[in-house]
All heavy atoms as atom14 arrays in JSON, in Angstrom:
{
  "sequence": "QQVVVSIQTHIDKGIEKDIAEHKLDIKNLYQRTGR",
  "atom14_mask": [
    [1, 1, 1, 1, 1, 1, 1, 1, 1, 0, 0, 0, 0, 0],
    [1, 1, 1, 1, 1, 1, 1, 1, 1, 0, 0, 0, 0, 0],
    [1, 1, 1, 1, 1, 1, 1, 0, 0, 0, 0, 0, 0, 0],
    [1, 1, 1, 1, 1, 1, 1, 0, 0, 0, 0, 0, 0, 0],
    [1, 1, 1, 1, 1, 1, 1, 0, 0, 0, 0, 0, 0, 0],
    [1, 1, 1, 1, 1, 1, 0, 0, 0, 0, 0, 0, 0, 0],
    [1, 1, 1, 1, 1, 1, 1, 1, 0, 0, 0, 0, 0, 0],
    [1, 1, 1, 1, 1, 1, 1, 1, 1, 0, 0, 0, 0, 0],
    [1, 1, 1, 1, 1, 1, 1, 0, 0, 0, 0, 0, 0, 0],
    [1, 1, 1, 1, 1, 1, 1, 1, 1, 1, 0, 0, 0, 0],
    [1, 1, 1, 1, 1, 1, 1, 1, 0, 0, 0, 0, 0, 0],
    [1, 1, 1, 1, 1, 1, 1, 1, 0, 0, 0, 0, 0, 0],
    [1, 1, 1, 1, 1, 1, 1, 1, 1, 0, 0, 0, 0, 0],
    [1, 1, 1, 1, 0, 0, 0, 0, 0, 0, 0, 0, 0, 0],
    [1, 1, 1, 1, 1, 1, 1, 1, 0, 0, 0, 0, 0, 0],
    [1, 1, 1, 1, 1, 1, 1, 1, 1, 0, 0, 0, 0, 0],
    [1, 1, 1, 1, 1, 1, 1, 1, 1, 0, 0, 0, 0, 0],
    [1, 1, 1, 1, 1, 1, 1, 1, 0, 0, 0, 0, 0, 0],
    [1, 1, 1, 1, 1, 1, 1, 1, 0, 0, 0, 0, 0, 0],
    [1, 1, 1, 1, 1, 0, 0, 0, 0, 0, 0, 0, 0, 0],
    [1, 1, 1, 1, 1, 1, 1, 1, 1, 0, 0, 0, 0, 0],
    [1, 1, 1, 1, 1, 1, 1, 1, 1, 1, 0, 0, 0, 0],
    [1, 1, 1, 1, 1, 1, 1, 1, 1, 0, 0, 0, 0, 0],
    [1, 1, 1, 1, 1, 1, 1, 1, 0, 0, 0, 0, 0, 0],
    [1, 1, 1, 1, 1, 1, 1, 1, 0, 0, 0, 0, 0, 0],
    [1, 1, 1, 1, 1, 1, 1, 1, 0, 0, 0, 0, 0, 0],
    [1, 1, 1, 1, 1, 1, 1, 1, 1, 0, 0, 0, 0, 0],
    [1, 1, 1, 1, 1, 1, 1, 1, 0, 0, 0, 0, 0, 0],
    [1, 1, 1, 1, 1, 1, 1, 1, 0, 0, 0, 0, 0, 0],
    [1, 1, 1, 1, 1, 1, 1, 1, 1, 1, 1, 1, 0, 0],
    [1, 1, 1, 1, 1, 1, 1, 1, 1, 0, 0, 0, 0, 0],
    [1, 1, 1, 1, 1, 1, 1, 1, 1, 1, 1, 0, 0, 0],
    [1, 1, 1, 1, 1, 1, 1, 0, 0, 0, 0, 0, 0, 0],
    [1, 1, 1, 1, 0, 0, 0, 0, 0, 0, 0, 0, 0, 0],
    [1, 1, 1, 1, 1, 1, 1, 1, 1, 1, 1, 0, 0, 0]
  ],
  "atom14_positions": [
    [[0.84, -1.2, 0.0], [0.0, 0.0, 0.0], [0.87, 1.25, 0.0], [0.57, 2.22, -0.71], [-0.94, 0.0, 1.2], [-2.07, -0.99, 1.09], [-2.92, -1.08, 2.34], [-2.5, -0.7, 3.43], [-4.12, -1.62, 2.2], [0.0, 0.0, 0.0], [0.0, 0.0, 0.0], [0.0, 0.0, 0.0], [0.0, 0.0, 0.0], [0.0, 0.0, 0.0]],
    [[1.96, 1.24, 0.75], [2.86, 2.38, 0.77], [3.52, 2.58, -0.59], [3.67, 3.7, -1.06], [3.92, 2.2, 1.86], [3.38, 2.29, 3.27], [4.42, 1.93, 4.32], [5.52, 1.51, 3.99], [4.05, 2.07, 5.58], [0.0, 0.0, 0.0], [0.0, 0.0, 0.0], [0.0, 0.0, 0.0], [0.0, 0.0, 0.0], [0.0, 0.0, 0.0]],
    [[3.89, 1.47, -1.23], [4.48, 1.57, -2.56], [3.48, 2.13, -3.56], [3.82, 2.99, -4.38], [5.01, 0.18, -3.01], [5.36, 0.17, -4.49], [6.21, -0.23, -2.18], [0.0, 0.0, 0.0], [0.0, 0.0, 0.0], [0.0, 0.0, 0.0], [0.0, 0.0, 0.0], [0.0, 0.0, 0.0], [0.0, 0.0, 0.0], [0.0, 0.0, 0.0]],
    [[2.24, 1.67, -3.48], [1.2, 2.16, -4.39], [0.98, 3.66, -4.18], [0.88, 4.42, -5.16], [-0.11, 1.36, -4.19], [-1.28, 2.05, -4.88], [0.04, -0.06, -4.7], [0.0, 0.0, 0.0], [0.0, 0.0, 0.0], [0.0, 0.0, 0.0], [0.0, 0.0, 0.0], [0.0, 0.0, 0.0], [0.0, 0.0, 0.0], [0.0, 0.0, 0.0]],
    [[0.94, 4.09, -2.93], [0.76, 5.52, -2.64], [1.94, 6.31, -3.2], [1.76, 7.37, -3.8], [0.58, 5.75, -1.12], [0.71, 7.22, -0.77], [-0.75, 5.21, -0.65], [0.0, 0.0, 0.0], [0.0, 0.0, 0.0], [0.0, 0.0, 0.0], [0.0, 0.0, 0.0], [0.0, 0.0, 0.0], [0.0, 0.0, 0.0], [0.0, 0.0, 0.0]],
    [[3.13, 5.78, -3.03], [4.33, 6.46, -3.55], [4.28, 6.56, -5.07], [4.59, 7.6, -5.64], [5.57, 5.69, -3.11], [6.72, 6.24, -3.67], [0.0, 0.0, 0.0], [0.0, 0.0, 0.0], [0.0, 0.0, 0.0], [0.0, 0.0, 0.0], [0.0, 0.0, 0.0], [0.0, 0.0, 0.0], [0.0, 0.0, 0.0], [0.0, 0.0, 0.0]],
    [[3.89, 5.47, -5.72], [3.78, 5.48, -7.18], [2.72, 6.48, -7.63], [2.93, 7.23, -8.59], [3.48, 4.06, -7.71], [4.7, 3.16, -7.52], [3.05, 4.09, -9.17], [4.45, 1.7, -7.81], [0.0, 0.0, 0.0], [0.0, 0.0, 0.0], [0.0, 0.0, 0.0], [0.0, 0.0, 0.0], [0.0, 0.0, 0.0], [0.0, 0.0, 0.0]],
    [[1.58, 6.49, -6.95], [0.52, 7.44, -7.3], [1.02, 8.88, -7.15], [0.74, 9.74, -7.99], [-0.7, 7.23, -6.42], [-1.5, 6.0, -6.77], [-2.64, 5.74, -5.81], [-2.63, 6.19, -4.66], [-3.62, 4.98, -6.25], [0.0, 0.0, 0.0], [0.0, 0.0, 0.0], [0.0, 0.0, 0.0], [0.0, 0.0, 0.0], [0.0, 0.0, 0.0]],
    [[1.79, 9.14, -6.09], [2.33, 10.48, -5.87], [3.27, 10.86, -7.0], [3.19, 11.98, -7.53], [3.07, 10.54, -4.52], [2.16, 10.18, -3.48], [3.61, 11.92, -4.26], [0.0, 0.0, 0.0], [0.0, 0.0, 0.0], [0.0, 0.0, 0.0], [0.0, 0.0, 0.0], [0.0, 0.0, 0.0], [0.0, 0.0, 0.0], [0.0, 0.0, 0.0]],
    [[4.15, 9.92, -7.39], [5.08, 10.21, -8.49], [4.33, 10.43, -9.8], [4.68, 11.33, -10.58], [6.08, 9.08, -8.65], [7.14, 9.06, -7.6], [8.1, 10.03, -7.47], [7.38, 8.19, -6.59], [8.89, 9.77, -6.46], [8.46, 8.65, -5.89], [0.0, 0.0, 0.0], [0.0, 0.0, 0.0], [0.0, 0.0, 0.0], [0.0, 0.0, 0.0]],
    [[3.31, 9.65, -10.03], [2.52, 9.82, -11.26], [1.82, 11.18, -11.25], [1.84, 11.9, -12.26], [1.49, 8.67, -11.4], [2.21, 7.37, -11.75], [0.44, 9.0, -12.46], [1.31, 6.14, -11.73], [0.0, 0.0, 0.0], [0.0, 0.0, 0.0], [0.0, 0.0, 0.0], [0.0, 0.0, 0.0], [0.0, 0.0, 0.0], [0.0, 0.0, 0.0]],
    [[1.22, 11.54, -10.12], [0.54, 12.83, -10.02], [1.51, 13.99, -10.24], [1.2, 14.95, -10.94], [-0.14, 12.98, -8.66], [-1.33, 12.04, -8.5], [-1.81, 11.51, -9.52], [-1.78, 11.83, -7.35], [0.0, 0.0, 0.0], [0.0, 0.0, 0.0], [0.0, 0.0, 0.0], [0.0, 0.0, 0.0], [0.0, 0.0, 0.0], [0.0, 0.0, 0.0]],
    [[2.71, 13.89, -9.63], [3.71, 14.95, -9.83], [4.14, 15.02, -11.29], [4.31, 16.11, -11.84], [4.92, 14.7, -8.94], [4.67, 15.01, -7.48], [5.91, 14.78, -6.65], [5.63, 15.07, -5.19], [6.82, 14.84, -4.34], [0.0, 0.0, 0.0], [0.0, 0.0, 0.0], [0.0, 0.0, 0.0], [0.0, 0.0, 0.0], [0.0, 0.0, 0.0]],
    [[4.29, 13.85, -11.92], [4.67, 13.82, -13.33], [3.59, 14.44, -14.21], [3.89, 15.19, -15.14], [0.0, 0.0, 0.0], [0.0, 0.0, 0.0], [0.0, 0.0, 0.0], [0.0, 0.0, 0.0], [0.0, 0.0, 0.0], [0.0, 0.0, 0.0], [0.0, 0.0, 0.0], [0.0, 0.0, 0.0], [0.0, 0.0, 0.0], [0.0, 0.0, 0.0]],
    [[2.33, 14.14, -13.89], [1.22, 14.71, -14.66], [1.17, 16.22, -14.46], [1.0, 16.96, -15.44], [-0.12, 14.05, -14.23], [-0.16, 12.6, -14.72], [-1.31, 14.83, -14.77], [-1.34, 11.81, -14.2], [0.0, 0.0, 0.0], [0.0, 0.0, 0.0], [0.0, 0.0, 0.0], [0.0, 0.0, 0.0], [0.0, 0.0, 0.0], [0.0, 0.0, 0.0]],
    [[1.34, 16.68, -13.22], [1.34, 18.12, -12.96], [2.47, 18.81, -13.72], [2.29, 19.89, -14.3], [1.47, 18.39, -11.47], [0.23, 18.03, -10.67], [0.44, 18.15, -9.17], [1.53, 18.59, -8.74], [-0.49, 17.81, -8.42], [0.0, 0.0, 0.0], [0.0, 0.0, 0.0], [0.0, 0.0, 0.0], [0.0, 0.0, 0.0], [0.0, 0.0, 0.0]],
    [[3.65, 18.17, -13.74], [4.79, 18.74, -14.46], [4.49, 18.8, -15.96], [4.77, 19.8, -16.62], [6.03, 17.9, -14.2], [7.28, 18.43, -14.84], [8.48, 17.56, -14.51], [9.72, 18.05, -15.23], [10.86, 17.16, -14.99], [0.0, 0.0, 0.0], [0.0, 0.0, 0.0], [0.0, 0.0, 0.0], [0.0, 0.0, 0.0], [0.0, 0.0, 0.0]],
    [[3.92, 17.71, -16.49], [3.58, 17.68, -17.92], [2.55, 18.76, -18.25], [2.65, 19.42, -19.29], [3.04, 16.31, -18.31], [4.12, 15.24, -18.37], [5.31, 15.6, -18.37], [3.77, 14.05, -18.4], [0.0, 0.0, 0.0], [0.0, 0.0, 0.0], [0.0, 0.0, 0.0], [0.0, 0.0, 0.0], [0.0, 0.0, 0.0], [0.0, 0.0, 0.0]],
    [[1.56, 18.93, -17.39], [0.54, 19.96, -17.63], [1.18, 21.33, -17.65], [0.87, 22.16, -18.52], [-0.58, 19.86, -16.57], [-1.42, 18.61, -16.8], [-1.46, 21.11, -16.58], [-2.43, 18.32, -15.7], [0.0, 0.0, 0.0], [0.0, 0.0, 0.0], [0.0, 0.0, 0.0], [0.0, 0.0, 0.0], [0.0, 0.0, 0.0], [0.0, 0.0, 0.0]],
    [[2.08, 21.6, -16.7], [2.76, 22.91, -16.66], [3.58, 23.12, -17.92], [3.58, 24.22, -18.5], [3.64, 23.0, -15.41], [0.0, 0.0, 0.0], [0.0, 0.0, 0.0], [0.0, 0.0, 0.0], [0.0, 0.0, 0.0], [0.0, 0.0, 0.0], [0.0, 0.0, 0.0], [0.0, 0.0, 0.0], [0.0, 0.0, 0.0], [0.0, 0.0, 0.0]],
    [[4.28, 22.06, -18.39], [5.06, 22.19, -19.62], [4.16, 22.44, -20.83], [4.49, 23.26, -21.69], [5.9, 20.92, -19.84], [7.04, 20.77, -18.86], [7.78, 19.45, -19.02], [7.38, 18.63, -19.88], [8.74, 19.24, -18.27], [0.0, 0.0, 0.0], [0.0, 0.0, 0.0], [0.0, 0.0, 0.0], [0.0, 0.0, 0.0], [0.0, 0.0, 0.0]],
    [[3.03, 21.74, -20.88], [2.11, 21.95, -22.0], [1.51, 23.35, -21.97], [1.34, 23.98, -23.02], [0.99, 20.89, -21.98], [1.45, 19.53, -22.4], [2.04, 19.26, -23.6], [1.42, 18.34, -21.74], [2.35, 17.98, -23.68], [1.99, 17.4, -22.54], [0.0, 0.0, 0.0], [0.0, 0.0, 0.0], [0.0, 0.0, 0.0], [0.0, 0.0, 0.0]],
    [[1.2, 23.84, -20.78], [0.69, 25.22, -20.68], [1.72, 26.21, -21.19], [1.39, 27.15, -21.91], [0.32, 25.54, -19.23], [-0.98, 24.95, -18.77], [-1.28, 25.38, -17.33], [-2.6, 24.82, -16.84], [-2.87, 25.22, -15.44], [0.0, 0.0, 0.0], [0.0, 0.0, 0.0], [0.0, 0.0, 0.0], [0.0, 0.0, 0.0], [0.0, 0.0, 0.0]],
    [[2.98, 26.0, -20.8], [4.05, 26.89, -21.26], [4.2, 26.79, -22.78], [4.35, 27.82, -23.46], [5.36, 26.53, -20.56], [6.56, 27.4, -20.88], [6.29, 28.84, -20.43], [7.8, 26.86, -20.18], [0.0, 0.0, 0.0], [0.0, 0.0, 0.0], [0.0, 0.0, 0.0], [0.0, 0.0, 0.0], [0.0, 0.0, 0.0], [0.0, 0.0, 0.0]],
    [[4.14, 25.57, -23.32], [4.23, 25.4, -24.78], [3.08, 26.1, -25.48], [3.28, 26.77, -26.51], [4.22, 23.91, -25.14], [5.51, 23.2, -24.75], [6.51, 23.88, -24.48], [5.49, 21.95, -24.71], [0.0, 0.0, 0.0], [0.0, 0.0, 0.0], [0.0, 0.0, 0.0], [0.0, 0.0, 0.0], [0.0, 0.0, 0.0], [0.0, 0.0, 0.0]],
    [[1.87, 25.97, -24.95], [0.7, 26.62, -25.55], [0.86, 28.14, -25.49], [0.57, 28.84, -26.47], [-0.59, 26.16, -24.85], [-0.88, 24.7, -25.21], [-1.77, 27.05, -25.23], [-1.99, 24.07, -24.4], [0.0, 0.0, 0.0], [0.0, 0.0, 0.0], [0.0, 0.0, 0.0], [0.0, 0.0, 0.0], [0.0, 0.0, 0.0], [0.0, 0.0, 0.0]],
    [[1.33, 28.63, -24.36], [1.55, 30.08, -24.21], [2.57, 30.56, -25.25], [2.35, 31.6, -25.92], [2.04, 30.38, -22.8], [2.27, 31.84, -22.53], [2.75, 32.05, -21.09], [3.06, 33.51, -20.84], [3.59, 33.73, -19.48], [0.0, 0.0, 0.0], [0.0, 0.0, 0.0], [0.0, 0.0, 0.0], [0.0, 0.0, 0.0], [0.0, 0.0, 0.0]],
    [[3.65, 29.83, -25.41], [4.66, 30.2, -26.41], [4.09, 30.15, -27.81], [4.39, 31.02, -28.65], [5.88, 29.29, -26.29], [6.69, 29.55, -25.03], [6.62, 30.63, -24.45], [7.44, 28.55, -24.59], [0.0, 0.0, 0.0], [0.0, 0.0, 0.0], [0.0, 0.0, 0.0], [0.0, 0.0, 0.0], [0.0, 0.0, 0.0], [0.0, 0.0, 0.0]],
    [[3.26, 29.13, -28.09], [2.65, 29.03, -29.42], [1.7, 30.19, -29.68], [1.66, 30.73, -30.8], [1.93, 27.69, -29.57], [2.84, 26.47, -29.69], [2.02, 25.19, -29.66], [3.68, 26.54, -30.97], [0.0, 0.0, 0.0], [0.0, 0.0, 0.0], [0.0, 0.0, 0.0], [0.0, 0.0, 0.0], [0.0, 0.0, 0.0], [0.0, 0.0, 0.0]],
    [[0.92, 30.58, -28.66], [0.04, 31.74, -28.82], [0.86, 33.0, -29.1], [0.5, 33.82, -29.95], [-0.83, 31.96, -27.58], [-2.1, 31.14, -27.58], [-2.42, 30.31, -26.51], [-3.01, 31.2, -28.65], [-3.58, 29.56, -26.49], [-4.17, 30.46, -28.64], [-4.45, 29.64, -27.56], [-5.6, 28.9, -27.56], [0.0, 0.0, 0.0], [0.0, 0.0, 0.0]],
    [[1.97, 33.15, -28.4], [2.82, 34.33, -28.63], [3.4, 34.31, -30.03], [3.42, 35.35, -30.72], [3.95, 34.38, -27.58], [3.48, 34.73, -26.19], [4.6, 34.62, -25.15], [5.68, 34.11, -25.43], [4.31, 35.07, -23.94], [0.0, 0.0, 0.0], [0.0, 0.0, 0.0], [0.0, 0.0, 0.0], [0.0, 0.0, 0.0], [0.0, 0.0, 0.0]],
    [[3.87, 33.14, -30.46], [4.39, 33.04, -31.83], [3.31, 33.32, -32.85], [3.53, 34.0, -33.86], [4.94, 31.63, -32.07], [6.38, 31.49, -31.71], [6.89, 30.13, -32.07], [7.19, 30.05, -33.49], [7.52, 28.91, -34.08], [7.55, 27.78, -33.41], [7.81, 28.89, -35.36], [0.0, 0.0, 0.0], [0.0, 0.0, 0.0], [0.0, 0.0, 0.0]],
    [[2.1, 32.8, -32.58], [0.98, 33.03, -33.5], [0.67, 34.52, -33.58], [0.43, 35.05, -34.68], [-0.26, 32.25, -33.02], [0.05, 30.87, -32.94], [-1.42, 32.44, -33.97], [0.0, 0.0, 0.0], [0.0, 0.0, 0.0], [0.0, 0.0, 0.0], [0.0, 0.0, 0.0], [0.0, 0.0, 0.0], [0.0, 0.0, 0.0], [0.0, 0.0, 0.0]],
    [[0.7, 35.17, -32.43], [0.45, 36.62, -32.42], [1.51, 37.37, -33.21], [1.19, 38.27, -34.01], [0.0, 0.0, 0.0], [0.0, 0.0, 0.0], [0.0, 0.0, 0.0], [0.0, 0.0, 0.0], [0.0, 0.0, 0.0], [0.0, 0.0, 0.0], [0.0, 0.0, 0.0], [0.0, 0.0, 0.0], [0.0, 0.0, 0.0], [0.0, 0.0, 0.0]],
    [[2.77, 37.02, -33.02], [3.85, 37.69, -33.77], [3.72, 37.42, -35.26], [3.86, 38.33, -36.09], [5.21, 37.2, -33.28], [5.67, 37.83, -31.98], [7.15, 37.58, -31.74], [7.52, 36.16, -31.81], [7.66, 35.36, -30.77], [7.47, 35.81, -29.55], [8.0, 34.1, -30.94], [0.0, 0.0, 0.0], [0.0, 0.0, 0.0], [0.0, 0.0, 0.0]]
  ]
}
């Protein structure tokens, strides 16, 4: 159970990091589109 919780935490952190990277990519694309 502790291992599963740890894995879930790592997955959640990875998803949050991916979401932040995608948001940054989208923001950059919008800026490029505007330019």
